[in-house]
Amino acid sequence: MKEDPKHIRISEFNYPLPDERIAKFPLPVRDQSKLLVYRKGEISETRFASLPDQLPAGALLVMNNTRVIQARLHFRKDTGALIEVFCLEPISPNDYVLNFQQTEHSAWLCMVGNLKKWKEGTLKREMTVKGHSITLTATRGESRGTSHWVDFRWDNSEVTFADILEVFGELPIPPYLNRDTQESDKETYQTVYSKIKGSVAAPTAGLHFTPAVLERLAEKGIDREELTLHVGAGTFKPVKSVEIEGHEMHTEYISVTRTTLEKLLKHGGEAIAVGTTSVRTLESLYHMGLTLLKNPDATDAELHVRQWQPYELTPEEEATPATECLQALLRYLDRHGMEALHGSTQIIIAPGYTYRIVKAIVTNFHQPQSTLLLLVSAFVKGDWKRIYDYALAHDFRFLSYGDSSLLIP
């Protein structure tokens, strides 16, 4: 009988993390960070620069090419109160690319800092963007949980919302760094291969890669593919419930090209994932494919992967190979004349989950009692404590700007 993940107690995924072990800044040279290697239960350590030597030639490495946006906007009211508006996801239009291209109006779901001081009225800020003087206004609409609909308007059709964020926004570094964003974060909190704007947090396992490491991977014949999952602020949302059944996973939006699906098929439906965001995207593809095998006419909305969906499979679905699911996704793209699959996922990967596509993971060291630690535990069959004990005893640096691990169960 499989473990029922809903009744896992999050307190079992705690460990002591002293503040001095949290890396506040990255190392000057990204690939000189430490790499813990967990290979079939054996633990060793090396430098990240030697990652290509740790991977089998001919493997497929999949990374998330999302780019962090400067999503924090600050307004000062006439009273002097400072209001922070943190853009989480686009509402109107709800497509990231279209929203960034908007001129004059854009609506986002936002977290609002100092909310009690913004009961009503419009916030205003004068600014110069691309040589144009504009007035940006923000008006609060309905609340959705702990977030709020915010309409942004500005009085110049030459200026896009992307331009405004670029000039006026601030990069949102993780809250647990307990420091202000610095100019250096604009470079160090992006992966060297980031391209598609939309995240409010970096896929941090990718921060260790340098052009030299990417070159060595190519020399070793290791295939590389990119996908896009825009990381939401929910990635930092602590699990507050005693059992994880009470924790609602945030929705994240993914985009995977036809080329990536074909490359996955060429590799027998197997991949090495860089970061937990790539893990969640790759594993969500399997469950989207299952939906299409059952119902080839499924709509985009029906392709959404629900939080507990992977744990509700019939024995027949359990036995479906990843290659069949990937083929179903390609047929779906063919039918709709599309070059990329756009979907959304709320997948929670916890002990009791069966991994379908991901065969190895490159990942950083995660916060105690987090859903990311559950994902790691599911991958190493519960052996996470030994890995984390080793990292703590051997001076590894933790969290976003910290060191990383290569997990091969």
Protein backbone atom coordinates (compact mmCIF):
# COMPACT_ATOMS: atom_id res chain seq x y z
CA MET A 1 0.00 0.00 0.00
CA LYS A 2 1.41 3.37 -1.02
CA GLU A 3 1.96 6.06 1.58
CA ASP A 4 -0.87 8.63 1.61
CA PRO A 5 0.97 11.94 1.32
CA LYS A 6 -1.99 13.94 2.64
CA HIS A 7 -1.28 12.74 6.18
CA ILE A 8 2.45 13.50 6.19
CA ARG A 9 3.28 15.70 9.18
CA ILE A 10 5.43 18.63 8.12
CA SER A 11 7.17 18.60 11.53
CA GLU A 12 8.98 15.44 10.38
CA PHE A 13 10.78 17.59 7.80
CA ASN A 14 12.45 19.97 10.20
CA TYR A 15 16.17 20.46 10.80
CA PRO A 16 18.20 23.15 12.59
CA LEU A 17 19.28 25.92 10.19
CA PRO A 18 21.33 28.62 11.97
CA ASP A 19 21.11 32.05 10.32
CA GLU A 20 24.87 32.08 9.64
CA ARG A 21 24.46 29.03 7.35
CA ILE A 22 22.10 30.96 5.03
CA ALA A 23 24.16 32.45 2.19
CA LYS A 24 23.35 36.17 2.06
CA PHE A 25 25.33 36.71 -1.13
CA PRO A 26 26.61 34.35 -3.85
CA LEU A 27 30.28 33.46 -4.27
CA PRO A 28 32.24 35.78 -6.61
CA VAL A 29 32.60 32.93 -9.16
CA ARG A 30 29.35 30.99 -9.56
CA ASP A 31 30.79 27.57 -10.42
CA GLN A 32 33.20 27.54 -7.45
CA SER A 33 30.29 26.75 -5.13
CA LYS A 34 30.34 23.34 -3.45
CA LEU A 35 28.44 20.41 -4.94
CA LEU A 36 27.27 17.54 -2.75
CA VAL A 37 26.96 14.34 -4.79
CA TYR A 38 24.46 11.74 -3.57
CA ARG A 39 24.88 8.66 -5.76
CA LYS A 40 22.87 5.56 -4.85
CA GLY A 41 23.19 6.31 -1.14
CA GLU A 42 26.89 7.32 -1.21
CA ILE A 43 27.69 10.95 -0.35
CA SER A 44 30.75 12.87 -1.56
CA GLU A 45 31.57 16.49 -2.36
CA THR A 46 33.25 18.44 -5.15
CA ARG A 47 33.00 21.85 -6.83
CA PHE A 48 30.09 22.74 -9.12
CA ALA A 49 32.57 23.32 -11.95
CA SER A 50 33.05 19.53 -12.09
CA LEU A 51 29.33 18.80 -12.65
CA PRO A 52 29.95 17.62 -16.27
CA ASP A 53 32.28 14.89 -14.93
CA GLN A 54 29.53 13.64 -12.61
CA LEU A 55 26.94 13.11 -15.35
CA PRO A 56 26.74 10.27 -17.87
CA ALA A 57 27.63 11.18 -21.46
CA GLY A 58 24.55 11.28 -23.66
CA ALA A 59 22.22 12.32 -20.82
CA LEU A 60 19.63 15.08 -21.25
CA LEU A 61 19.86 18.05 -18.88
CA VAL A 62 16.71 20.18 -18.63
CA MET A 63 16.81 23.70 -17.20
CA ASN A 64 14.28 26.47 -16.56
CA ASN A 65 14.98 29.60 -18.64
CA THR A 66 12.59 31.90 -16.78
CA ARG A 67 13.86 35.39 -15.97
CA VAL A 68 13.12 37.19 -12.71
CA ILE A 69 11.20 40.44 -13.18
CA GLN A 70 11.69 43.58 -11.10
CA ALA A 71 8.29 42.99 -9.57
CA ARG A 72 8.30 45.27 -6.50
CA LEU A 73 6.89 48.76 -7.08
CA HIS A 74 6.97 51.48 -4.39
CA PHE A 75 4.53 54.37 -4.10
CA ARG A 76 4.49 57.14 -1.51
CA LYS A 77 1.11 58.55 -0.45
CA ASP A 78 0.53 62.24 0.22
CA THR A 79 0.51 61.32 3.92
CA GLY A 80 4.09 60.04 3.55
CA ALA A 81 3.12 56.36 3.94
CA LEU A 82 5.19 54.01 1.73
CA ILE A 83 3.10 51.35 -0.06
CA GLU A 84 4.79 48.37 -1.72
CA VAL A 85 2.95 46.69 -4.60
CA PHE A 86 4.45 43.31 -5.48
CA CYS A 87 3.30 41.98 -8.89
CA LEU A 88 2.63 38.22 -8.63
CA GLU A 89 0.87 37.27 -11.85
CA PRO A 90 -0.80 39.06 -14.77
CA ILE A 91 -4.62 39.24 -14.86
CA SER A 92 -5.49 41.46 -17.80
CA PRO A 93 -4.23 40.32 -20.19
CA ASN A 94 -3.33 37.13 -18.31
CA ASP A 95 -0.49 36.16 -20.65
CA TYR A 96 2.93 37.37 -19.42
CA VAL A 97 4.28 38.36 -22.85
CA LEU A 98 1.12 40.26 -23.83
CA ASN A 99 0.93 41.95 -20.45
CA PHE A 100 4.52 43.18 -20.61
CA GLN A 101 3.77 44.64 -24.06
CA GLN A 102 0.76 46.64 -22.80
CA THR A 103 0.78 50.41 -23.19
CA GLU A 104 -1.38 52.63 -20.95
CA HIS A 105 -3.05 49.85 -18.87
CA SER A 106 -2.11 46.56 -17.21
CA ALA A 107 -3.74 44.59 -14.36
CA TRP A 108 -1.93 42.25 -11.97
CA LEU A 109 -2.63 40.14 -8.94
CA CYS A 110 -0.43 41.74 -6.29
CA MET A 111 0.64 41.45 -2.69
CA VAL A 112 0.41 44.82 -0.97
CA GLY A 113 2.79 45.91 1.77
CA ASN A 114 1.43 48.43 4.34
CA LEU A 115 -2.09 47.60 3.11
CA LYS A 116 -3.77 49.25 6.12
CA LYS A 117 -2.49 52.62 4.88
CA TRP A 118 -4.08 52.10 1.43
CA LYS A 119 -7.77 51.76 2.21
CA GLU A 120 -8.92 53.59 -0.93
CA GLY A 121 -7.91 56.07 -3.58
CA THR A 122 -5.31 55.93 -6.32
CA LEU A 123 -1.56 55.76 -5.79
CA LYS A 124 0.53 57.94 -8.08
CA ARG A 125 4.15 58.19 -9.07
CA GLU A 126 5.85 60.51 -11.55
CA MET A 127 8.76 58.98 -13.44
CA THR A 128 10.89 59.21 -16.57
CA VAL A 129 10.97 56.09 -18.73
CA LYS A 130 12.93 55.99 -22.01
CA GLY A 131 13.09 59.77 -22.00
CA HIS A 132 9.31 60.13 -21.54
CA SER A 133 7.86 61.78 -18.42
CA ILE A 134 4.89 59.73 -17.29
CA THR A 135 2.52 59.43 -14.35
CA LEU A 136 1.92 55.85 -13.21
CA THR A 137 -1.21 55.21 -11.14
CA ALA A 138 -2.28 52.12 -9.20
CA THR A 139 -5.90 51.43 -8.21
CA ARG A 140 -6.87 48.56 -5.93
CA GLY A 141 -9.67 46.21 -6.96
CA GLU A 142 -11.11 43.06 -5.41
CA SER A 143 -9.08 40.95 -3.01
CA ARG A 144 -8.33 37.31 -3.83
CA GLY A 145 -7.15 35.50 -0.72
CA THR A 146 -4.16 37.44 0.57
CA SER A 147 -3.61 39.15 -2.81
CA HIS A 148 -5.34 42.05 -4.57
CA TRP A 149 -6.31 42.97 -8.12
CA VAL A 150 -4.37 46.14 -9.02
CA ASP A 151 -4.95 48.22 -12.16
CA PHE A 152 -1.92 50.16 -13.39
CA ARG A 153 -2.41 53.07 -15.79
CA TRP A 154 0.07 55.47 -17.38
CA ASP A 155 -0.26 58.32 -19.82
CA ASN A 156 2.10 57.46 -22.66
CA SER A 157 1.52 54.91 -25.41
CA GLU A 158 5.25 54.78 -26.23
CA VAL A 159 5.98 53.09 -22.88
CA THR A 160 5.23 49.41 -22.15
CA PHE A 161 4.62 47.86 -18.75
CA ALA A 162 7.92 45.97 -19.19
CA ASP A 163 9.70 49.34 -19.59
CA ILE A 164 8.13 50.60 -16.35
CA LEU A 165 9.20 47.53 -14.36
CA GLU A 166 12.69 47.73 -15.81
CA VAL A 167 13.16 51.33 -14.66
CA PHE A 168 10.89 51.60 -11.65
CA GLY A 169 10.69 48.05 -10.29
CA GLU A 170 12.96 46.40 -7.77
CA LEU A 171 14.18 42.79 -7.97
CA PRO A 172 12.42 40.70 -5.30
CA ILE A 173 15.16 38.72 -3.53
CA PRO A 174 13.99 36.03 -1.06
CA PRO A 175 12.55 37.34 2.23
CA TYR A 176 14.81 35.08 4.33
CA LEU A 177 17.93 36.98 3.19
CA ASN A 178 16.80 39.77 5.55
CA ARG A 179 18.44 42.49 3.50
CA ASP A 180 17.58 45.07 0.84
CA THR A 181 18.05 44.30 -2.84
CA GLN A 182 21.43 45.54 -4.08
CA GLU A 183 22.52 46.52 -7.57
CA SER A 184 24.63 43.33 -7.80
CA ASP A 185 21.50 41.15 -7.33
CA LYS A 186 20.24 42.29 -10.75
CA GLU A 187 22.97 40.11 -12.25
CA THR A 188 23.65 37.46 -9.60
CA TYR A 189 19.95 36.59 -9.01
CA GLN A 190 19.50 35.59 -12.69
CA THR A 191 20.77 32.41 -14.32
CA VAL A 192 23.21 32.96 -17.19
CA TYR A 193 20.65 31.35 -19.53
CA SER A 194 17.55 33.26 -18.32
CA LYS A 195 15.40 34.55 -21.21
CA ILE A 196 11.64 34.54 -20.62
CA LYS A 197 10.47 37.22 -18.17
CA GLY A 198 7.87 36.25 -15.59
CA SER A 199 9.31 34.92 -12.32
CA VAL A 200 9.26 36.64 -8.95
CA ALA A 201 11.95 34.25 -7.67
CA ALA A 202 14.94 32.70 -9.43
CA PRO A 203 15.18 28.97 -10.20
CA THR A 204 18.21 28.97 -7.91
CA ALA A 205 19.86 25.64 -8.80
CA GLY A 206 20.63 27.27 -12.14
CA LEU A 207 22.55 30.14 -10.52
CA HIS A 208 25.70 27.95 -10.33
CA PHE A 209 26.06 27.52 -14.10
CA THR A 210 28.67 29.53 -16.00
CA PRO A 211 29.40 29.66 -19.74
CA ALA A 212 32.45 27.44 -19.00
CA VAL A 213 30.30 24.73 -17.35
CA LEU A 214 27.80 24.85 -20.23
CA GLU A 215 30.69 24.46 -22.69
CA ARG A 216 32.08 21.46 -20.78
CA LEU A 217 28.63 19.82 -20.81
CA ALA A 218 28.48 20.19 -24.60
CA GLU A 219 32.01 18.78 -24.97
CA LYS A 220 30.97 15.75 -22.95
CA GLY A 221 28.00 15.13 -25.27
CA ILE A 222 25.40 16.01 -22.66
CA ASP A 223 22.25 17.27 -24.35
CA ARG A 224 20.62 20.42 -23.02
CA GLU A 225 17.02 21.59 -23.32
CA GLU A 226 15.12 24.49 -21.79
CA LEU A 227 11.57 24.89 -20.59
CA THR A 228 9.80 27.73 -18.78
CA LEU A 229 8.08 27.70 -15.41
CA HIS A 230 7.44 31.14 -13.94
CA VAL A 231 8.22 30.89 -10.23
CA GLY A 232 5.56 32.51 -8.06
CA ALA A 233 5.88 34.02 -4.58
CA GLY A 234 4.11 30.89 -3.30
CA THR A 235 7.46 29.13 -3.54
CA PHE A 236 8.31 30.85 -0.21
CA LYS A 237 4.91 30.09 1.34
CA PRO A 238 5.54 28.13 4.53
CA VAL A 239 3.48 25.02 5.28
CA LYS A 240 1.36 26.16 8.21
CA SER A 241 -0.87 23.07 8.54
CA VAL A 242 0.13 20.10 10.74
CA GLU A 243 -0.51 17.66 7.88
CA ILE A 244 0.25 18.67 4.30
CA GLU A 245 -3.36 17.97 3.29
CA GLY A 246 -4.11 21.46 4.69
CA HIS A 247 -1.51 23.20 2.49
CA GLU A 248 -2.74 24.61 -0.80
CA MET A 249 -0.08 24.65 -3.50
CA HIS A 250 0.15 27.80 -5.61
CA THR A 251 -0.49 27.61 -9.36
CA GLU A 252 2.50 28.03 -11.65
CA TYR A 253 2.46 28.57 -15.40
CA ILE A 254 4.58 26.46 -17.69
CA SER A 255 5.60 26.56 -21.32
CA VAL A 256 7.34 23.68 -23.11
CA THR A 257 8.26 23.75 -26.79
CA ARG A 258 7.68 20.97 -29.30
CA THR A 259 11.48 20.63 -29.63
CA THR A 260 11.84 19.90 -25.90
CA LEU A 261 9.09 17.26 -26.02
CA GLU A 262 10.76 15.63 -29.05
CA LYS A 263 14.15 15.71 -27.30
CA LEU A 264 12.63 14.06 -24.20
CA LEU A 265 11.19 11.30 -26.41
CA LYS A 266 14.56 10.81 -28.10
CA HIS A 267 16.00 10.21 -24.60
CA GLY A 268 13.34 7.60 -23.76
CA GLY A 269 11.30 10.04 -21.68
CA GLU A 270 14.13 10.49 -19.17
CA ALA A 271 15.93 13.64 -18.03
CA ILE A 272 18.18 15.21 -15.40
CA ALA A 273 16.35 18.23 -13.97
CA VAL A 274 18.13 21.42 -12.94
CA GLY A 275 16.12 22.71 -9.99
CA THR A 276 12.80 21.86 -8.41
CA THR A 277 10.95 24.06 -10.94
CA SER A 278 12.22 21.89 -13.81
CA VAL A 279 11.27 18.82 -11.76
CA ARG A 280 7.71 20.07 -11.29
CA THR A 281 7.38 20.98 -14.96
CA LEU A 282 8.72 17.66 -16.28
CA GLU A 283 6.61 15.60 -13.91
CA SER A 284 3.52 17.72 -14.72
CA LEU A 285 4.02 16.86 -18.42
CA TYR A 286 3.47 13.20 -17.55
CA HIS A 287 0.15 13.95 -15.85
CA MET A 288 -0.99 16.31 -18.65
CA GLY A 289 -0.22 13.53 -21.11
CA LEU A 290 -2.31 11.06 -19.07
CA THR A 291 -5.24 13.51 -19.19
CA LEU A 292 -4.96 13.61 -23.01
CA LEU A 293 -4.71 9.81 -23.29
CA LYS A 294 -8.06 9.62 -21.47
CA ASN A 295 -9.58 12.57 -23.29
CA PRO A 296 -7.78 13.68 -26.50
CA ASP A 297 -10.16 16.67 -26.79
CA ALA A 298 -9.26 18.08 -23.37
CA THR A 299 -9.15 21.88 -23.22
CA ASP A 300 -6.20 23.92 -21.96
CA ALA A 301 -8.04 24.33 -18.65
CA GLU A 302 -8.44 20.55 -18.29
CA LEU A 303 -4.69 20.11 -18.76
CA HIS A 304 -4.12 21.91 -15.44
CA VAL A 305 -2.43 19.48 -13.01
CA ARG A 306 -4.27 19.49 -9.69
CA GLN A 307 -2.36 19.22 -6.41
CA TRP A 308 -3.31 15.63 -5.57
CA GLN A 309 -3.93 14.35 -9.12
CA PRO A 310 -0.75 12.18 -9.25
CA TYR A 311 -1.91 10.21 -6.21
CA GLU A 312 -5.33 9.31 -7.66
CA LEU A 313 -4.21 7.16 -10.63
CA THR A 314 -5.82 3.87 -11.57
CA PRO A 315 -3.49 0.81 -11.82
CA GLU A 316 -3.72 1.11 -15.62
CA GLU A 317 -2.62 4.77 -15.52
CA GLU A 318 0.17 3.89 -13.07
CA ALA A 319 1.58 1.53 -15.71
CA THR A 320 1.62 4.09 -18.54
CA PRO A 321 5.17 4.80 -19.82
CA ALA A 322 6.34 8.42 -19.93
CA THR A 323 6.95 8.11 -23.70
CA GLU A 324 3.21 7.51 -24.33
CA CYS A 325 2.31 10.63 -22.35
CA LEU A 326 4.85 12.74 -24.26
CA GLN A 327 3.52 11.43 -27.59
CA ALA A 328 -0.01 12.41 -26.52
CA LEU A 329 1.26 15.96 -25.86
CA LEU A 330 2.87 16.14 -29.31
CA ARG A 331 -0.38 14.94 -30.96
CA TYR A 332 -2.20 17.68 -29.02
CA LEU A 333 0.20 20.31 -30.42
CA ASP A 334 -0.30 18.89 -33.95
CA ARG A 335 -4.10 19.03 -33.66
CA HIS A 336 -4.01 22.66 -32.52
CA GLY A 337 -1.17 23.76 -34.84
CA MET A 338 0.93 24.89 -31.87
CA GLU A 339 4.69 25.01 -31.39
CA ALA A 340 4.59 25.11 -27.58
CA LEU A 341 2.46 23.64 -24.84
CA HIS A 342 1.15 26.20 -22.34
CA GLY A 343 -0.32 24.87 -19.13
CA SER A 344 -0.48 25.30 -15.40
CA THR A 345 0.35 23.08 -12.46
CA GLN A 346 -0.33 22.86 -8.75
CA ILE A 347 1.51 19.56 -8.39
CA ILE A 348 2.78 18.69 -4.93
CA ILE A 349 5.58 16.12 -4.92
CA ALA A 350 5.84 14.40 -1.57
CA PRO A 351 6.81 10.97 -0.20
CA GLY A 352 4.46 8.50 -1.88
CA TYR A 353 4.96 10.15 -5.29
CA THR A 354 6.31 8.05 -8.17
CA TYR A 355 8.80 9.95 -10.36
CA ARG A 356 8.14 9.37 -14.07
CA ILE A 357 10.59 11.45 -16.14
CA VAL A 358 13.20 12.86 -13.76
CA LYS A 359 16.12 10.47 -13.11
CA ALA A 360 18.54 12.88 -11.37
CA ILE A 361 18.21 16.35 -9.84
CA VAL A 362 20.56 19.30 -9.40
CA THR A 363 19.15 21.34 -6.51
CA ASN A 364 20.12 23.71 -3.70
CA PHE A 365 19.49 23.11 0.02
CA HIS A 366 15.95 24.07 0.98
CA GLN A 367 14.22 25.58 3.99
CA PRO A 368 13.11 23.34 6.86
CA GLN A 369 9.44 22.26 6.69
CA SER A 370 9.08 23.33 3.04
CA THR A 371 7.32 21.60 0.14
CA LEU A 372 10.70 21.58 -1.66
CA LEU A 373 12.14 19.38 1.08
CA LEU A 374 9.18 17.01 0.59
CA LEU A 375 10.05 16.84 -3.13
CA VAL A 376 13.68 15.94 -2.33
CA SER A 377 12.62 13.34 0.25
CA ALA A 378 10.30 11.68 -2.29
CA PHE A 379 13.21 11.50 -4.75
CA VAL A 380 15.78 9.98 -2.37
CA LYS A 381 13.24 7.62 -0.75
CA GLY A 382 13.29 9.41 2.61
CA ASP A 383 17.10 9.70 2.87
CA TRP A 384 17.08 13.54 2.93
CA LYS A 385 18.16 13.79 6.59
CA ARG A 386 21.53 12.10 5.93
CA ILE A 387 22.16 14.48 3.01
CA TYR A 388 21.31 17.57 5.07
CA ASP A 389 23.28 16.35 8.10
CA TYR A 390 26.32 15.94 5.84
CA ALA A 391 25.84 19.44 4.35
CA LEU A 392 25.52 21.00 7.81
CA ALA A 393 28.59 19.15 9.10
CA HIS A 394 30.71 20.00 6.05
CA ASP A 395 30.18 23.73 5.88
CA PHE A 396 27.80 23.88 2.91
CA ARG A 397 25.95 27.18 2.40
CA PHE A 398 22.15 27.00 2.34
CA LEU A 399 19.15 28.37 0.38
CA SER A 400 18.99 30.56 -2.76
CA TYR A 401 22.56 31.88 -2.89
CA GLY A 402 24.02 28.75 -1.26
CA ASP A 403 25.69 25.58 -2.55
CA SER A 404 24.00 22.75 -4.43
CA SER A 405 23.60 19.02 -4.66
CA LEU A 406 23.38 16.39 -7.39
CA LEU A 407 20.95 13.64 -6.43
CA ILE A 408 21.12 10.31 -8.25
CA PRO A 409 19.00 7.71 -6.38
